[in-house]
């Protein structure tokens, strides 16, 4: 099976993904959701400790799941030629 590449879509995806990786999206959401919960850190050192603590809870399996999800979404975008997809 031969797939043609939509070069405009490819350029958009590459342009977006060169600076931000799927792990960036995951890490921002995960760490932010874990660190900024009451009671909030009262100092920068306390904030740093919280951030380090939650980074240590991230497993290789979690990162693999993030990568697999990104791969799936890029595939869907490629197949639909970047049409709006409600469930993504």
N, C-alpha and C. Protein backbone atom coordinates (compact mmCIF):
# COMPACT_ATOMS: atom_id res chain seq x y z
N UNK A 1 0.85 -1.17 0.00
CA UNK A 1 0.00 0.00 0.00
C UNK A 1 0.90 1.24 0.00
N UNK A 2 0.64 2.16 -0.91
CA UNK A 2 1.43 3.37 -1.02
C UNK A 2 0.62 4.56 -0.52
N UNK A 3 1.18 5.29 0.44
CA UNK A 3 0.49 6.46 0.98
C UNK A 3 1.17 7.71 0.48
N UNK A 4 0.40 8.66 0.02
CA UNK A 4 0.97 9.93 -0.38
C UNK A 4 1.04 10.84 0.84
N UNK A 5 2.00 11.71 0.85
CA UNK A 5 2.20 12.60 1.99
C UNK A 5 1.64 13.97 1.64
N UNK A 6 0.77 14.46 2.48
CA UNK A 6 0.27 15.82 2.34
C UNK A 6 1.36 16.74 2.86
N UNK A 7 2.10 17.39 1.96
CA UNK A 7 3.27 18.16 2.39
C UNK A 7 2.89 19.34 3.26
N UNK A 8 1.75 19.96 3.01
CA UNK A 8 1.32 21.09 3.84
C UNK A 8 1.07 20.61 5.27
N UNK A 9 0.37 19.51 5.41
CA UNK A 9 0.10 18.94 6.73
C UNK A 9 1.41 18.55 7.41
N UNK A 10 2.29 17.93 6.65
CA UNK A 10 3.57 17.50 7.19
C UNK A 10 4.35 18.70 7.73
N UNK A 11 4.38 19.79 6.99
CA UNK A 11 5.11 20.99 7.42
C UNK A 11 4.50 21.57 8.69
N UNK A 12 3.17 21.54 8.80
CA UNK A 12 2.50 22.05 10.00
C UNK A 12 2.88 21.19 11.20
N UNK A 13 2.78 19.88 11.04
CA UNK A 13 3.07 18.97 12.15
C UNK A 13 4.53 19.10 12.57
N UNK A 14 5.43 19.11 11.61
CA UNK A 14 6.85 19.22 11.93
C UNK A 14 7.14 20.56 12.60
N UNK A 15 6.51 21.62 12.12
CA UNK A 15 6.71 22.94 12.71
C UNK A 15 6.26 23.00 14.15
N UNK A 16 5.18 22.34 14.46
CA UNK A 16 4.65 22.33 15.82
C UNK A 16 5.48 21.42 16.71
N UNK A 17 5.85 20.28 16.21
CA UNK A 17 6.48 19.27 17.05
C UNK A 17 7.98 19.44 17.23
N UNK A 18 8.60 20.34 16.49
CA UNK A 18 10.04 20.49 16.65
C UNK A 18 10.40 21.12 17.98
N UNK A 19 9.54 21.98 18.50
CA UNK A 19 9.83 22.64 19.76
C UNK A 19 9.19 21.96 20.96
N UNK A 20 8.07 21.31 20.75
CA UNK A 20 7.33 20.71 21.85
C UNK A 20 7.12 19.23 21.55
N UNK A 21 7.57 18.40 22.45
CA UNK A 21 7.40 16.97 22.25
C UNK A 21 6.19 16.47 23.02
N UNK A 22 5.78 15.25 22.73
CA UNK A 22 4.65 14.68 23.46
C UNK A 22 4.96 14.58 24.94
N UNK A 23 6.22 14.36 25.26
CA UNK A 23 6.60 14.30 26.67
C UNK A 23 6.46 15.65 27.34
N UNK A 24 6.72 16.74 26.59
CA UNK A 24 6.51 18.08 27.14
C UNK A 24 5.06 18.27 27.54
N UNK A 25 4.13 17.90 26.64
CA UNK A 25 2.71 18.03 26.94
C UNK A 25 2.35 17.21 28.16
N UNK A 26 2.79 15.98 28.19
CA UNK A 26 2.50 15.10 29.31
C UNK A 26 3.08 15.65 30.60
N UNK A 27 4.36 16.00 30.56
CA UNK A 27 5.02 16.46 31.78
C UNK A 27 4.37 17.71 32.34
N UNK A 28 4.04 18.65 31.48
CA UNK A 28 3.42 19.89 31.95
C UNK A 28 2.11 19.58 32.65
N UNK A 29 1.26 18.80 32.04
CA UNK A 29 -0.03 18.48 32.64
C UNK A 29 0.10 17.65 33.90
N UNK A 30 0.94 16.65 33.86
CA UNK A 30 1.08 15.75 34.99
C UNK A 30 1.70 16.46 36.19
N UNK A 31 2.83 17.10 35.97
CA UNK A 31 3.52 17.74 37.08
C UNK A 31 2.71 18.92 37.62
N UNK A 32 2.15 19.72 36.75
CA UNK A 32 1.34 20.85 37.19
C UNK A 32 0.16 20.36 38.02
N UNK A 33 -0.47 19.29 37.56
CA UNK A 33 -1.62 18.75 38.28
C UNK A 33 -1.26 18.16 39.64
N UNK A 34 -0.02 17.76 39.82
CA UNK A 34 0.42 17.18 41.08
C UNK A 34 1.06 18.20 42.02
N UNK A 35 1.73 19.20 41.45
CA UNK A 35 2.49 20.15 42.26
C UNK A 35 1.61 21.28 42.80
N UNK A 36 0.74 21.80 41.96
CA UNK A 36 -0.05 22.96 42.36
C UNK A 36 -1.40 22.56 42.95
N UNK A 37 -1.34 21.83 44.04
CA UNK A 37 -2.55 21.45 44.77
C UNK A 37 -2.40 21.96 46.20
N UNK A 38 -3.50 22.32 46.81
CA UNK A 38 -3.41 22.82 48.19
C UNK A 38 -2.88 21.75 49.14
N UNK A 39 -2.13 22.11 50.11
CA UNK A 39 -1.61 23.45 50.37
C UNK A 39 -0.46 23.77 49.40
N UNK A 40 -0.49 24.95 48.83
CA UNK A 40 0.52 25.34 47.84
C UNK A 40 1.88 25.54 48.51
N UNK A 41 2.94 25.31 47.76
CA UNK A 41 4.29 25.53 48.32
C UNK A 41 4.43 27.00 48.73
N UNK A 42 5.09 27.21 49.85
CA UNK A 42 5.25 28.57 50.36
C UNK A 42 6.58 29.20 49.97
N UNK A 43 7.48 28.41 49.40
CA UNK A 43 8.79 28.94 49.01
C UNK A 43 9.28 28.22 47.76
N UNK A 44 10.27 28.83 47.12
CA UNK A 44 10.86 28.19 45.93
C UNK A 44 11.51 26.85 46.25
N UNK A 45 12.26 26.74 47.35
CA UNK A 45 12.84 25.43 47.68
C UNK A 45 11.76 24.35 47.87
N UNK A 46 10.66 24.71 48.51
CA UNK A 46 9.57 23.75 48.70
C UNK A 46 8.96 23.35 47.35
N UNK A 47 8.82 24.33 46.47
CA UNK A 47 8.29 24.05 45.13
C UNK A 47 9.22 23.11 44.37
N UNK A 48 10.52 23.36 44.45
CA UNK A 48 11.50 22.51 43.78
C UNK A 48 11.45 21.07 44.30
N UNK A 49 11.28 20.92 45.60
CA UNK A 49 11.19 19.58 46.18
C UNK A 49 9.96 18.86 45.65
N UNK A 50 8.84 19.57 45.59
CA UNK A 50 7.61 18.96 45.06
C UNK A 50 7.79 18.54 43.61
N UNK A 51 8.38 19.42 42.81
CA UNK A 51 8.58 19.11 41.39
C UNK A 51 9.47 17.88 41.25
N UNK A 52 10.58 17.84 41.96
CA UNK A 52 11.47 16.68 41.90
C UNK A 52 10.77 15.40 42.34
N UNK A 53 9.97 15.51 43.38
CA UNK A 53 9.25 14.35 43.90
C UNK A 53 8.32 13.77 42.84
N UNK A 54 7.59 14.63 42.14
CA UNK A 54 6.65 14.12 41.14
C UNK A 54 7.34 13.66 39.86
N UNK A 55 8.48 14.26 39.52
CA UNK A 55 9.24 13.75 38.38
C UNK A 55 9.72 12.33 38.64
N UNK A 56 10.05 12.05 39.88
CA UNK A 56 10.53 10.71 40.24
C UNK A 56 9.43 9.65 40.15
N UNK A 57 8.17 10.07 40.11
CA UNK A 57 7.07 9.10 40.02
C UNK A 57 6.76 8.70 38.58
N UNK A 58 7.37 9.38 37.61
CA UNK A 58 7.11 9.10 36.20
C UNK A 58 7.90 7.86 35.79
N UNK A 59 7.20 6.89 35.25
CA UNK A 59 7.84 5.62 34.87
C UNK A 59 8.08 5.57 33.37
N UNK A 60 8.91 4.64 32.95
CA UNK A 60 9.15 4.43 31.53
C UNK A 60 7.86 4.00 30.82
N UNK A 61 7.04 3.23 31.49
CA UNK A 61 5.75 2.82 30.90
C UNK A 61 4.85 4.01 30.64
N UNK A 62 4.84 4.96 31.57
CA UNK A 62 4.03 6.16 31.37
C UNK A 62 4.49 6.92 30.13
N UNK A 63 5.80 7.08 29.98
CA UNK A 63 6.34 7.80 28.83
C UNK A 63 6.08 7.05 27.53
N UNK A 64 6.15 5.73 27.57
CA UNK A 64 5.86 4.93 26.38
C UNK A 64 4.40 5.10 25.96
N UNK A 65 3.50 5.16 26.93
CA UNK A 65 2.08 5.37 26.64
C UNK A 65 1.87 6.74 25.99
N UNK A 66 2.56 7.75 26.49
CA UNK A 66 2.47 9.09 25.90
C UNK A 66 2.94 9.05 24.45
N UNK A 67 4.06 8.41 24.21
CA UNK A 67 4.60 8.32 22.85
C UNK A 67 3.63 7.59 21.92
N UNK A 68 3.07 6.48 22.39
CA UNK A 68 2.12 5.72 21.58
C UNK A 68 0.89 6.55 21.23
N UNK A 69 0.40 7.32 22.18
CA UNK A 69 -0.78 8.17 21.94
C UNK A 69 -0.46 9.25 20.91
N UNK A 70 0.71 9.86 21.01
CA UNK A 70 1.09 10.87 20.02
C UNK A 70 1.18 10.24 18.64
N UNK A 71 1.81 9.10 18.55
CA UNK A 71 1.95 8.41 17.27
C UNK A 71 0.57 8.14 16.67
N UNK A 72 -0.36 7.67 17.47
CA UNK A 72 -1.73 7.40 17.01
C UNK A 72 -2.38 8.68 16.49
N UNK A 73 -2.26 9.78 17.24
CA UNK A 73 -2.91 11.03 16.84
C UNK A 73 -2.31 11.60 15.55
N UNK A 74 -1.00 11.51 15.41
CA UNK A 74 -0.36 11.98 14.17
C UNK A 74 -0.83 11.12 13.00
N UNK A 75 -0.95 9.82 13.22
CA UNK A 75 -1.45 8.92 12.18
C UNK A 75 -2.87 9.29 11.76
N UNK A 76 -3.73 9.58 12.74
CA UNK A 76 -5.11 9.97 12.43
C UNK A 76 -5.12 11.28 11.64
N UNK A 77 -4.29 12.23 12.04
CA UNK A 77 -4.21 13.50 11.31
C UNK A 77 -3.75 13.28 9.87
N UNK A 78 -2.78 12.40 9.71
CA UNK A 78 -2.26 12.11 8.37
C UNK A 78 -3.34 11.46 7.51
N UNK A 79 -4.03 10.50 8.06
CA UNK A 79 -5.04 9.76 7.29
C UNK A 79 -6.22 10.65 6.93
N UNK A 80 -6.63 11.54 7.84
CA UNK A 80 -7.79 12.41 7.58
C UNK A 80 -7.39 13.72 6.92
N UNK A 81 -6.10 13.86 6.62
CA UNK A 81 -5.56 15.07 6.00
C UNK A 81 -5.87 16.30 6.85
N UNK A 82 -5.70 16.14 8.15
CA UNK A 82 -5.82 17.20 9.15
C UNK A 82 -7.25 17.73 9.32
N UNK A 83 -8.23 16.93 8.96
CA UNK A 83 -9.61 17.32 9.18
C UNK A 83 -9.89 17.33 10.68
N UNK A 84 -10.89 18.10 11.08
CA UNK A 84 -11.26 18.16 12.50
C UNK A 84 -11.77 16.80 12.94
N UNK A 85 -11.28 16.35 14.06
CA UNK A 85 -11.68 15.05 14.58
C UNK A 85 -12.19 15.28 16.01
N UNK A 86 -13.46 15.05 16.20
CA UNK A 86 -14.11 15.38 17.46
C UNK A 86 -13.52 14.65 18.66
N UNK A 87 -13.27 13.37 18.54
CA UNK A 87 -12.86 12.58 19.69
C UNK A 87 -11.38 12.73 20.08
N UNK A 88 -10.60 13.44 19.29
CA UNK A 88 -9.19 13.64 19.66
C UNK A 88 -9.11 14.94 20.41
